[in-house]
Structures are given as C-alpha cells and as structure tokens.
N, C-alpha and C. Protein backbone atom coordinates (compact mmCIF):
# COMPACT_ATOMS: atom_id res chain seq x y z
N UNK A 1 157.35 4.26 24.73
CA UNK A 1 156.88 5.09 25.83
C UNK A 1 158.01 5.85 26.47
N UNK A 2 159.12 5.90 25.79
CA UNK A 2 160.23 6.69 26.27
C UNK A 2 160.82 6.20 27.58
N UNK A 3 160.75 4.91 27.86
CA UNK A 3 161.31 4.38 29.09
C UNK A 3 160.43 4.56 30.31
N UNK A 4 159.28 5.20 30.16
CA UNK A 4 158.38 5.38 31.29
C UNK A 4 157.60 4.10 31.54
N UNK A 5 157.32 3.79 32.80
CA UNK A 5 156.52 2.58 33.08
C UNK A 5 155.07 2.81 32.66
N UNK A 6 154.35 1.74 32.37
CA UNK A 6 152.93 1.89 32.04
C UNK A 6 152.14 2.34 33.26
N UNK A 7 151.02 2.99 33.00
CA UNK A 7 150.12 3.38 34.09
C UNK A 7 149.29 2.19 34.58
N UNK A 8 149.09 1.22 33.70
CA UNK A 8 148.34 0.00 34.02
C UNK A 8 149.07 -1.15 33.35
N UNK A 9 149.28 -2.24 34.07
CA UNK A 9 149.93 -3.41 33.49
C UNK A 9 149.43 -4.66 34.20
N UNK A 10 149.06 -5.65 33.39
CA UNK A 10 148.62 -6.93 33.92
C UNK A 10 149.10 -8.05 33.00
N UNK A 11 149.58 -9.12 33.59
CA UNK A 11 149.82 -10.34 32.84
C UNK A 11 148.65 -11.26 33.12
N UNK A 12 148.03 -11.73 32.06
CA UNK A 12 146.76 -12.44 32.17
C UNK A 12 146.89 -13.83 31.55
N UNK A 13 146.43 -14.84 32.25
CA UNK A 13 146.33 -16.17 31.65
C UNK A 13 145.30 -16.09 30.53
N UNK A 14 145.59 -16.76 29.43
CA UNK A 14 144.69 -16.71 28.28
C UNK A 14 143.58 -17.74 28.42
N UNK A 15 142.62 -17.40 29.27
CA UNK A 15 141.37 -18.14 29.38
C UNK A 15 140.27 -17.11 29.53
N UNK A 16 139.06 -17.49 29.23
CA UNK A 16 137.95 -16.53 29.18
C UNK A 16 137.75 -15.78 30.50
N UNK A 17 137.80 -16.49 31.61
CA UNK A 17 137.55 -15.86 32.91
C UNK A 17 138.64 -14.85 33.27
N UNK A 18 139.90 -15.22 33.05
CA UNK A 18 141.01 -14.31 33.37
C UNK A 18 141.00 -13.09 32.48
N UNK A 19 140.71 -13.30 31.20
CA UNK A 19 140.66 -12.17 30.27
C UNK A 19 139.53 -11.22 30.65
N UNK A 20 138.36 -11.76 30.98
CA UNK A 20 137.22 -10.91 31.37
C UNK A 20 137.54 -10.12 32.64
N UNK A 21 138.20 -10.76 33.61
CA UNK A 21 138.56 -10.07 34.85
C UNK A 21 139.53 -8.92 34.56
N UNK A 22 140.51 -9.16 33.69
CA UNK A 22 141.47 -8.10 33.34
C UNK A 22 140.77 -6.96 32.62
N UNK A 23 139.82 -7.28 31.74
CA UNK A 23 139.06 -6.24 31.05
C UNK A 23 138.29 -5.39 32.06
N UNK A 24 137.69 -6.03 33.05
CA UNK A 24 136.96 -5.29 34.09
C UNK A 24 137.91 -4.38 34.86
N UNK A 25 139.09 -4.90 35.23
CA UNK A 25 140.07 -4.09 35.97
C UNK A 25 140.52 -2.90 35.13
N UNK A 26 140.74 -3.13 33.85
CA UNK A 26 141.16 -2.05 32.95
C UNK A 26 140.06 -1.01 32.82
N UNK A 27 138.81 -1.44 32.71
CA UNK A 27 137.69 -0.51 32.59
C UNK A 27 137.58 0.37 33.84
N UNK A 28 137.74 -0.23 35.01
CA UNK A 28 137.69 0.53 36.27
C UNK A 28 138.83 1.54 36.31
N UNK A 29 140.02 1.11 35.93
CA UNK A 29 141.18 2.00 35.90
C UNK A 29 140.92 3.19 34.97
N UNK A 30 140.44 2.92 33.76
CA UNK A 30 140.21 3.99 32.79
C UNK A 30 139.10 4.93 33.23
N UNK A 31 138.04 4.37 33.79
CA UNK A 31 136.93 5.22 34.26
C UNK A 31 137.39 6.15 35.38
N UNK A 32 138.21 5.63 36.30
CA UNK A 32 138.71 6.43 37.42
C UNK A 32 139.58 7.59 36.94
N UNK A 33 140.15 7.47 35.75
CA UNK A 33 140.99 8.53 35.20
C UNK A 33 140.28 9.38 34.17
N UNK A 34 138.95 9.23 34.10
CA UNK A 34 138.15 10.12 33.26
C UNK A 34 138.12 9.79 31.78
N UNK A 35 138.51 8.57 31.41
CA UNK A 35 138.47 8.18 30.00
C UNK A 35 137.01 8.00 29.61
N UNK A 36 136.56 8.62 28.52
CA UNK A 36 135.15 8.54 28.12
C UNK A 36 134.67 7.10 27.89
N UNK A 37 133.38 6.89 28.12
CA UNK A 37 132.78 5.55 28.01
C UNK A 37 133.00 4.93 26.64
N UNK A 38 132.86 5.69 25.57
CA UNK A 38 133.03 5.13 24.23
C UNK A 38 134.46 4.62 24.02
N UNK A 39 135.43 5.35 24.53
CA UNK A 39 136.84 4.93 24.41
C UNK A 39 137.06 3.68 25.24
N UNK A 40 136.51 3.63 26.45
CA UNK A 40 136.64 2.44 27.29
C UNK A 40 136.04 1.22 26.61
N UNK A 41 134.89 1.38 25.98
CA UNK A 41 134.25 0.27 25.27
C UNK A 41 135.10 -0.22 24.11
N UNK A 42 135.68 0.71 23.37
CA UNK A 42 136.52 0.32 22.23
C UNK A 42 137.77 -0.41 22.69
N UNK A 43 138.38 0.07 23.76
CA UNK A 43 139.58 -0.60 24.28
C UNK A 43 139.22 -1.99 24.77
N UNK A 44 138.10 -2.11 25.45
CA UNK A 44 137.65 -3.43 25.91
C UNK A 44 137.46 -4.39 24.73
N UNK A 45 136.86 -3.90 23.66
CA UNK A 45 136.63 -4.73 22.48
C UNK A 45 137.95 -5.18 21.85
N UNK A 46 138.91 -4.27 21.76
CA UNK A 46 140.21 -4.62 21.18
C UNK A 46 140.88 -5.73 22.01
N UNK A 47 140.87 -5.57 23.32
CA UNK A 47 141.49 -6.58 24.20
C UNK A 47 140.74 -7.91 24.07
N UNK A 48 139.42 -7.85 24.03
CA UNK A 48 138.62 -9.07 23.90
C UNK A 48 138.90 -9.80 22.59
N UNK A 49 138.89 -9.07 21.48
CA UNK A 49 139.08 -9.69 20.17
C UNK A 49 140.48 -10.26 20.00
N UNK A 50 141.49 -9.51 20.42
CA UNK A 50 142.85 -10.02 20.28
C UNK A 50 143.10 -11.18 21.23
N UNK A 51 142.55 -11.11 22.43
CA UNK A 51 142.67 -12.22 23.37
C UNK A 51 141.98 -13.48 22.84
N UNK A 52 140.77 -13.31 22.31
CA UNK A 52 140.04 -14.46 21.75
C UNK A 52 140.80 -15.05 20.56
N UNK A 53 141.36 -14.20 19.73
CA UNK A 53 142.13 -14.68 18.59
C UNK A 53 143.33 -15.50 19.05
N UNK A 54 144.01 -15.04 20.07
CA UNK A 54 145.14 -15.81 20.62
C UNK A 54 144.67 -17.14 21.20
N UNK A 55 143.55 -17.13 21.94
CA UNK A 55 143.06 -18.37 22.54
C UNK A 55 142.69 -19.39 21.47
N UNK A 56 142.11 -18.93 20.37
CA UNK A 56 141.63 -19.86 19.34
C UNK A 56 142.71 -20.31 18.37
N UNK A 57 143.67 -19.45 18.07
CA UNK A 57 144.56 -19.73 16.95
C UNK A 57 146.05 -19.81 17.27
N UNK A 58 146.48 -19.22 18.36
CA UNK A 58 147.93 -19.12 18.61
C UNK A 58 148.50 -20.42 19.18
N UNK A 59 149.79 -20.58 18.93
CA UNK A 59 150.55 -21.69 19.50
C UNK A 59 151.59 -21.11 20.43
N UNK A 60 151.68 -21.69 21.62
CA UNK A 60 152.60 -21.22 22.65
C UNK A 60 153.56 -22.35 23.01
N UNK A 61 154.68 -22.46 22.30
CA UNK A 61 155.59 -23.59 22.53
C UNK A 61 156.33 -23.52 23.87
N UNK A 62 156.43 -22.35 24.46
CA UNK A 62 157.26 -22.19 25.66
C UNK A 62 156.48 -22.40 26.96
N UNK A 63 155.24 -22.84 26.89
CA UNK A 63 154.52 -23.07 28.13
C UNK A 63 153.14 -22.44 28.11
N UNK A 64 152.59 -22.21 29.30
CA UNK A 64 151.23 -21.69 29.40
C UNK A 64 151.07 -20.35 28.66
N UNK A 65 149.93 -20.20 28.06
CA UNK A 65 149.63 -18.99 27.29
C UNK A 65 149.25 -17.84 28.21
N UNK A 66 149.82 -16.69 27.95
CA UNK A 66 149.45 -15.48 28.69
C UNK A 66 149.53 -14.28 27.77
N UNK A 67 148.94 -13.20 28.24
CA UNK A 67 148.89 -11.94 27.51
C UNK A 67 149.26 -10.84 28.48
N UNK A 68 150.15 -9.96 28.08
CA UNK A 68 150.50 -8.80 28.90
C UNK A 68 149.76 -7.60 28.32
N UNK A 69 148.98 -6.94 29.17
CA UNK A 69 148.22 -5.75 28.79
C UNK A 69 148.86 -4.55 29.48
N UNK A 70 149.23 -3.55 28.69
CA UNK A 70 149.82 -2.33 29.26
C UNK A 70 149.10 -1.12 28.68
N UNK A 71 148.89 -0.14 29.54
CA UNK A 71 148.26 1.11 29.13
C UNK A 71 149.06 2.27 29.67
N UNK A 72 149.24 3.24 28.84
CA UNK A 72 149.88 4.51 29.23
C UNK A 72 148.93 5.62 28.80
N UNK A 73 148.61 6.51 29.72
CA UNK A 73 147.73 7.63 29.43
C UNK A 73 148.55 8.86 29.06
N UNK A 74 148.13 9.55 28.02
CA UNK A 74 148.80 10.78 27.59
C UNK A 74 147.80 11.90 27.48
N UNK A 75 148.22 13.01 26.97
CA UNK A 75 147.33 14.16 26.79
C UNK A 75 146.25 13.82 25.75
N UNK A 76 145.09 13.41 26.23
CA UNK A 76 143.99 13.08 25.33
C UNK A 76 144.18 11.78 24.57
N UNK A 77 145.12 10.92 25.00
CA UNK A 77 145.39 9.66 24.32
C UNK A 77 145.46 8.52 25.33
N UNK A 78 145.07 7.36 24.85
CA UNK A 78 145.28 6.13 25.59
C UNK A 78 146.13 5.24 24.70
N UNK A 79 147.29 4.87 25.18
CA UNK A 79 148.20 4.00 24.42
C UNK A 79 148.07 2.59 24.99
N UNK A 80 147.68 1.66 24.14
CA UNK A 80 147.47 0.28 24.55
C UNK A 80 148.51 -0.60 23.89
N UNK A 81 149.15 -1.45 24.68
CA UNK A 81 150.11 -2.41 24.15
C UNK A 81 149.72 -3.80 24.66
N UNK A 82 149.67 -4.75 23.74
CA UNK A 82 149.40 -6.14 24.09
C UNK A 82 150.60 -6.96 23.63
N UNK A 83 151.08 -7.82 24.50
CA UNK A 83 152.27 -8.61 24.18
C UNK A 83 152.02 -10.07 24.54
N UNK A 84 152.42 -10.97 23.63
CA UNK A 84 152.25 -12.39 23.89
C UNK A 84 153.52 -13.12 23.47
N UNK A 85 153.59 -14.39 23.82
CA UNK A 85 154.75 -15.20 23.48
C UNK A 85 154.39 -16.29 22.47
N UNK A 86 153.36 -16.06 21.70
CA UNK A 86 152.94 -17.04 20.70
C UNK A 86 153.95 -17.09 19.56
N UNK A 87 153.96 -18.22 18.86
CA UNK A 87 154.80 -18.34 17.68
C UNK A 87 154.38 -17.28 16.66
N UNK A 88 155.32 -16.70 15.95
CA UNK A 88 154.96 -15.72 14.92
C UNK A 88 154.07 -16.38 13.87
N UNK A 89 153.18 -15.58 13.30
CA UNK A 89 152.28 -16.06 12.26
C UNK A 89 152.33 -15.09 11.09
N UNK A 90 152.60 -15.64 9.91
CA UNK A 90 152.62 -14.85 8.69
C UNK A 90 151.56 -15.41 7.75
N UNK A 91 150.43 -14.72 7.59
CA UNK A 91 149.36 -15.26 6.75
C UNK A 91 149.79 -15.47 5.29
N UNK A 92 150.84 -14.78 4.87
CA UNK A 92 151.32 -14.97 3.49
C UNK A 92 152.00 -16.31 3.31
N UNK A 93 152.37 -16.96 4.41
CA UNK A 93 153.08 -18.23 4.33
C UNK A 93 152.14 -19.43 4.39
N UNK A 94 150.84 -19.21 4.39
CA UNK A 94 149.89 -20.31 4.45
C UNK A 94 149.09 -20.36 3.14
N UNK A 95 148.53 -21.52 2.89
CA UNK A 95 147.71 -21.69 1.70
C UNK A 95 146.37 -20.99 1.89
N UNK A 96 145.80 -20.52 0.80
CA UNK A 96 144.47 -19.92 0.86
C UNK A 96 143.46 -20.99 1.26
N UNK A 97 142.46 -20.61 2.06
CA UNK A 97 141.44 -21.59 2.44
C UNK A 97 140.59 -21.97 1.21
N UNK A 98 139.98 -23.13 1.25
CA UNK A 98 139.14 -23.50 0.12
C UNK A 98 137.96 -22.54 -0.01
N UNK A 99 137.45 -22.38 -1.22
CA UNK A 99 136.32 -21.44 -1.41
C UNK A 99 135.06 -21.93 -0.71
C-alpha cells in the first residue's frame, strides 16, 4: 500500500461472534463509501471463509488467536488484507487423506 495506512483496520478475536461483528463493521464502512452491494457481499464471504478456516484448522502457538483485517480503497478497487499469527501450513508436506 505504499506506506499508506489502511482506511479500515480491526484486530479481531477468532471466535464466531467477534468475526461476525467485524464483518458487520466492515460492511457499514464499505456501504458508507459507496462500495456496491455485490462487492460488499463478496468481501464479507472472503472474511467469513478465511476466518472460519483459521478457527477450525489453524494452530496459534503464541497465544490467543486473532485476525487483523485491513482495507484500503482505491480508484474502483477494494484492497483487502488479512493477517494472522498461525503456524505456517504447507499442504504439500502432509499425507493425502484416505479415499
């Protein structure tokens, strides 16, 4: 983002209620800035799916699990960044699941 601060930033505890509240706050923020409904819905889905994936599968050795959500608005673009402190996961390093 070229050193510019995000237009929206939240650190969220990785639990269903906190994630849902952050999604609501993000939706309100985006709507107030004229982001179309379809784009807001897609962004909400991305945050929900990645957050759920972290809640179900990630390991957080350094303490409580959280997710940082950042958004930067550009000319006709919404840039979304999600950051977590989970252990890295490489699917190539695991065995294939049974058929």
